[in-house]
Amino acid sequence: VAVLAAASGLAAGLDLRSVLLGGVT
């Protein structure tokens, strides 16, 4: 679930660092 949520955040244009460290998804 975490991988899928992160992938959806990246697809929405979010920064990789933010997704991995800050959980911005």
PDB file of all heavy atoms in Angstrom:
ATOM      1  N   VAL A   1       0.831  -1.201   0.000  1.00  0.00           N
ATOM      2  CA  VAL A   1       0.000   0.000   0.000  1.00  0.00           C
ATOM      3  C   VAL A   1       0.865   1.249   0.000  1.00  0.00           C
ATOM      4  O   VAL A   1       0.572   2.234  -0.699  1.00  0.00           O
ATOM      5  CB  VAL A   1      -0.950  -0.005   1.218  1.00  0.00           C
ATOM      6  CG1 VAL A   1      -1.670   1.343   1.348  1.00  0.00           C
ATOM      7  CG2 VAL A   1      -1.970  -1.126   1.086  1.00  0.00           C
ATOM      8  N   ALA A   2       1.969   1.233   0.761  1.00  0.00           N
ATOM      9  CA  ALA A   2       2.859   2.389   0.804  1.00  0.00           C
ATOM     10  C   ALA A   2       3.487   2.658  -0.561  1.00  0.00           C
ATOM     11  O   ALA A   2       3.601   3.813  -0.992  1.00  0.00           O
ATOM     12  CB  ALA A   2       3.953   2.163   1.847  1.00  0.00           C
ATOM     13  N   VAL A   3       3.888   1.598  -1.249  1.00  0.00           N
ATOM     14  CA  VAL A   3       4.485   1.755  -2.579  1.00  0.00           C
ATOM     15  C   VAL A   3       3.460   2.320  -3.559  1.00  0.00           C
ATOM     16  O   VAL A   3       3.762   3.228  -4.348  1.00  0.00           O
ATOM     17  CB  VAL A   3       5.040   0.410  -3.075  1.00  0.00           C
ATOM     18  CG1 VAL A   3       5.448   0.499  -4.550  1.00  0.00           C
ATOM     19  CG2 VAL A   3       6.238  -0.010  -2.236  1.00  0.00           C
ATOM     20  N   LEU A   4       2.246   1.789  -3.525  1.00  0.00           N
ATOM     21  CA  LEU A   4       1.204   2.270  -4.433  1.00  0.00           C
ATOM     22  C   LEU A   4       0.844   3.729  -4.155  1.00  0.00           C
ATOM     23  O   LEU A   4       0.660   4.522  -5.083  1.00  0.00           O
ATOM     24  CB  LEU A   4      -0.042   1.385  -4.307  1.00  0.00           C
ATOM     25  CG  LEU A   4       0.105  -0.059  -4.794  1.00  0.00           C
ATOM     26  CD1 LEU A   4      -1.165  -0.858  -4.495  1.00  0.00           C
ATOM     27  CD2 LEU A   4       0.415  -0.100  -6.282  1.00  0.00           C
ATOM     28  N   ALA A   5       0.751   4.088  -2.858  1.00  0.00           N
ATOM     29  CA  ALA A   5       0.431   5.470  -2.515  1.00  0.00           C
ATOM     30  C   ALA A   5       1.549   6.411  -2.948  1.00  0.00           C
ATOM     31  O   ALA A   5       1.296   7.508  -3.461  1.00  0.00           O
ATOM     32  CB  ALA A   5       0.193   5.588  -1.007  1.00  0.00           C
ATOM     33  N   ALA A   6       2.807   5.966  -2.755  1.00  0.00           N
ATOM     34  CA  ALA A   6       3.939   6.784  -3.187  1.00  0.00           C
ATOM     35  C   ALA A   6       3.947   6.949  -4.703  1.00  0.00           C
ATOM     36  O   ALA A   6       4.214   8.040  -5.230  1.00  0.00           O
ATOM     37  CB  ALA A   6       5.243   6.154  -2.711  1.00  0.00           C
ATOM     38  N   ALA A   7       3.647   5.856  -5.415  1.00  0.00           N
ATOM     39  CA  ALA A   7       3.623   5.914  -6.871  1.00  0.00           C
ATOM     40  C   ALA A   7       2.548   6.884  -7.354  1.00  0.00           C
ATOM     41  O   ALA A   7       2.745   7.633  -8.319  1.00  0.00           O
ATOM     42  CB  ALA A   7       3.383   4.523  -7.451  1.00  0.00           C
ATOM     43  N   SER A   8       1.414   6.901  -6.670  1.00  0.00           N
ATOM     44  CA  SER A   8       0.348   7.824  -7.070  1.00  0.00           C
ATOM     45  C   SER A   8       0.773   9.267  -6.818  1.00  0.00           C
ATOM     46  O   SER A   8       0.403  10.172  -7.578  1.00  0.00           O
ATOM     47  CB  SER A   8      -0.945   7.508  -6.311  1.00  0.00           C
ATOM     48  OG  SER A   8      -0.831   7.837  -4.941  1.00  0.00           O
ATOM     49  N   GLY A   9       1.550   9.489  -5.745  1.00  0.00           N
ATOM     50  CA  GLY A   9       2.052  10.826  -5.487  1.00  0.00           C
ATOM     51  C   GLY A   9       3.034  11.282  -6.540  1.00  0.00           C
ATOM     52  O   GLY A   9       2.993  12.429  -7.007  1.00  0.00           O
ATOM     53  N   LEU A  10       3.922  10.377  -6.957  1.00  0.00           N
ATOM     54  CA  LEU A  10       4.884  10.708  -8.015  1.00  0.00           C
ATOM     55  C   LEU A  10       4.163  10.968  -9.329  1.00  0.00           C
ATOM     56  O   LEU A  10       4.535  11.870 -10.085  1.00  0.00           O
ATOM     57  CB  LEU A  10       5.890   9.568  -8.169  1.00  0.00           C
ATOM     58  CG  LEU A  10       6.832   9.327  -6.975  1.00  0.00           C
ATOM     59  CD1 LEU A  10       7.679   8.084  -7.215  1.00  0.00           C
ATOM     60  CD2 LEU A  10       7.725  10.542  -6.747  1.00  0.00           C
ATOM     61  N   ALA A  11       3.142  10.181  -9.610  1.00  0.00           N
ATOM     62  CA  ALA A  11       2.379  10.381 -10.843  1.00  0.00           C
ATOM     63  C   ALA A  11       1.665  11.729 -10.852  1.00  0.00           C
ATOM     64  O   ALA A  11       1.415  12.307 -11.920  1.00  0.00           O
ATOM     65  CB  ALA A  11       1.361   9.251 -11.011  1.00  0.00           C
ATOM     66  N   ALA A  12       1.364  12.226  -9.642  1.00  0.00           N
ATOM     67  CA  ALA A  12       0.697  13.519  -9.544  1.00  0.00           C
ATOM     68  C   ALA A  12       1.689  14.681  -9.584  1.00  0.00           C
ATOM     69  O   ALA A  12       1.298  15.844  -9.445  1.00  0.00           O
ATOM     70  CB  ALA A  12      -0.121  13.585  -8.256  1.00  0.00           C
ATOM     71  N   GLY A  13       2.994  14.334  -9.749  1.00  0.00           N
ATOM     72  CA  GLY A  13       4.009  15.369  -9.876  1.00  0.00           C
ATOM     73  C   GLY A  13       4.718  15.747  -8.604  1.00  0.00           C
ATOM     74  O   GLY A  13       5.453  16.745  -8.564  1.00  0.00           O
ATOM     75  N   LEU A  14       4.536  14.962  -7.509  1.00  0.00           N
ATOM     76  CA  LEU A  14       5.207  15.269  -6.259  1.00  0.00           C
ATOM     77  C   LEU A  14       6.679  14.884  -6.318  1.00  0.00           C
ATOM     78  O   LEU A  14       7.077  13.990  -7.064  1.00  0.00           O
ATOM     79  CB  LEU A  14       4.520  14.535  -5.100  1.00  0.00           C
ATOM     80  CG  LEU A  14       3.063  14.933  -4.835  1.00  0.00           C
ATOM     81  CD1 LEU A  14       2.478  14.089  -3.721  1.00  0.00           C
ATOM     82  CD2 LEU A  14       2.973  16.411  -4.469  1.00  0.00           C
ATOM     83  N   ASP A  15       7.502  15.544  -5.510  1.00  0.00           N
ATOM     84  CA  ASP A  15       8.939  15.317  -5.472  1.00  0.00           C
ATOM     85  C   ASP A  15       9.262  13.994  -4.785  1.00  0.00           C
ATOM     86  O   ASP A  15       8.670  13.654  -3.762  1.00  0.00           O
ATOM     87  CB  ASP A  15       9.612  16.473  -4.722  1.00  0.00           C
ATOM     88  CG  ASP A  15      11.098  16.266  -4.566  1.00  0.00           C
ATOM     89  OD1 ASP A  15      11.819  16.367  -5.585  1.00  0.00           O
ATOM     90  OD2 ASP A  15      11.533  15.993  -3.435  1.00  0.00           O
ATOM     91  N   LEU A  16      10.220  13.210  -5.337  1.00  0.00           N
ATOM     92  CA  LEU A  16      10.578  11.906  -4.787  1.00  0.00           C
ATOM     93  C   LEU A  16      11.056  12.032  -3.346  1.00  0.00           C
ATOM     94  O   LEU A  16      10.686  11.226  -2.481  1.00  0.00           O
ATOM     95  CB  LEU A  16      11.664  11.246  -5.645  1.00  0.00           C
ATOM     96  CG  LEU A  16      12.208   9.898  -5.135  1.00  0.00           C
ATOM     97  CD1 LEU A  16      11.101   8.857  -5.058  1.00  0.00           C
ATOM     98  CD2 LEU A  16      13.341   9.403  -6.035  1.00  0.00           C
ATOM     99  N   ARG A  17      11.907  13.006  -3.064  1.00  0.00           N
ATOM    100  CA  ARG A  17      12.409  13.180  -1.697  1.00  0.00           C
ATOM    101  C   ARG A  17      11.263  13.426  -0.718  1.00  0.00           C
ATOM    102  O   ARG A  17      11.247  12.871   0.388  1.00  0.00           O
ATOM    103  CB  ARG A  17      13.405  14.346  -1.664  1.00  0.00           C
ATOM    104  CG  ARG A  17      13.934  14.670  -0.271  1.00  0.00           C
ATOM    105  CD  ARG A  17      14.859  15.881  -0.312  1.00  0.00           C
ATOM    106  NE  ARG A  17      15.253  16.294   1.024  1.00  0.00           N
ATOM    107  CZ  ARG A  17      16.263  15.762   1.707  1.00  0.00           C
ATOM    108  NH1 ARG A  17      16.968  14.779   1.170  1.00  0.00           N
ATOM    109  NH2 ARG A  17      16.563  16.191   2.913  1.00  0.00           N
ATOM    110  N   SER A  18      10.324  14.242  -1.115  1.00  0.00           N
ATOM    111  CA  SER A  18       9.184  14.525  -0.246  1.00  0.00           C
ATOM    112  C   SER A  18       8.350  13.283  -0.010  1.00  0.00           C
ATOM    113  O   SER A  18       7.877  13.037   1.104  1.00  0.00           O
ATOM    114  CB  SER A  18       8.312  15.629  -0.860  1.00  0.00           C
ATOM    115  OG  SER A  18       9.034  16.830  -0.986  1.00  0.00           O
ATOM    116  N   VAL A  19       8.173  12.486  -1.045  1.00  0.00           N
ATOM    117  CA  VAL A  19       7.375  11.271  -0.918  1.00  0.00           C
ATOM    118  C   VAL A  19       8.040  10.276   0.022  1.00  0.00           C
ATOM    119  O   VAL A  19       7.392   9.669   0.884  1.00  0.00           O
ATOM    120  CB  VAL A  19       7.138  10.633  -2.304  1.00  0.00           C
ATOM    121  CG1 VAL A  19       6.541   9.244  -2.161  1.00  0.00           C
ATOM    122  CG2 VAL A  19       6.234  11.517  -3.142  1.00  0.00           C
ATOM    123  N   LEU A  20       9.362  10.111  -0.107  1.00  0.00           N
ATOM    124  CA  LEU A  20      10.075   9.117   0.694  1.00  0.00           C
ATOM    125  C   LEU A  20      10.300   9.559   2.129  1.00  0.00           C
ATOM    126  O   LEU A  20      10.198   8.760   3.060  1.00  0.00           O
ATOM    127  CB  LEU A  20      11.420   8.781   0.038  1.00  0.00           C
ATOM    128  CG  LEU A  20      11.352   8.050  -1.304  1.00  0.00           C
ATOM    129  CD1 LEU A  20      12.752   7.807  -1.841  1.00  0.00           C
ATOM    130  CD2 LEU A  20      10.606   6.726  -1.169  1.00  0.00           C
ATOM    131  N   LEU A  21      10.620  10.820   2.330  1.00  0.00           N
ATOM    132  CA  LEU A  21      10.983  11.292   3.663  1.00  0.00           C
ATOM    133  C   LEU A  21       9.833  11.986   4.381  1.00  0.00           C
ATOM    134  O   LEU A  21       9.702  11.863   5.603  1.00  0.00           O
ATOM    135  CB  LEU A  21      12.181  12.248   3.573  1.00  0.00           C
ATOM    136  CG  LEU A  21      13.463  11.653   2.985  1.00  0.00           C
ATOM    137  CD1 LEU A  21      14.582  12.672   2.998  1.00  0.00           C
ATOM    138  CD2 LEU A  21      13.889  10.396   3.764  1.00  0.00           C
ATOM    139  N   GLY A  22       9.014  12.682   3.645  1.00  0.00           N
ATOM    140  CA  GLY A  22       7.938  13.422   4.291  1.00  0.00           C
ATOM    141  C   GLY A  22       6.581  12.775   4.159  1.00  0.00           C
ATOM    142  O   GLY A  22       5.620  13.191   4.810  1.00  0.00           O
ATOM    143  N   GLY A  23       6.496  11.755   3.335  1.00  0.00           N
ATOM    144  CA  GLY A  23       5.227  11.085   3.175  1.00  0.00           C
ATOM    145  C   GLY A  23       4.182  11.922   2.470  1.00  0.00           C
ATOM    146  O   GLY A  23       2.985  11.777   2.716  1.00  0.00           O
ATOM    147  N   VAL A  24       4.606  12.832   1.598  1.00  0.00           N
ATOM    148  CA  VAL A  24       3.647  13.682   0.897  1.00  0.00           C
ATOM    149  C   VAL A  24       3.008  12.879  -0.229  1.00  0.00           C
ATOM    150  O   VAL A  24       3.523  12.790  -1.328  1.00  0.00           O
ATOM    151  CB  VAL A  24       4.332  14.944   0.336  1.00  0.00           C
ATOM    152  CG1 VAL A  24       3.299  15.830  -0.352  1.00  0.00           C
ATOM    153  CG2 VAL A  24       5.007  15.704   1.454  1.00  0.00           C
ATOM    154  N   THR A  25       1.920  12.247   0.049  1.00  0.00           N
ATOM    155  CA  THR A  25       1.152  11.487  -0.933  1.00  0.00           C
ATOM    156  C   THR A  25      -0.321  11.817  -0.733  1.00  0.00           C
ATOM    157  O   THR A  25      -0.703  12.342   0.316  1.00  0.00           O
ATOM    158  CB  THR A  25       1.360   9.962  -0.758  1.00  0.00           C
ATOM    159  OG1 THR A  25       0.990   9.606   0.586  1.00  0.00           O
ATOM    160  CG2 THR A  25       2.810   9.572  -0.996  1.00  0.00           C
TER     161      THR A  25
END
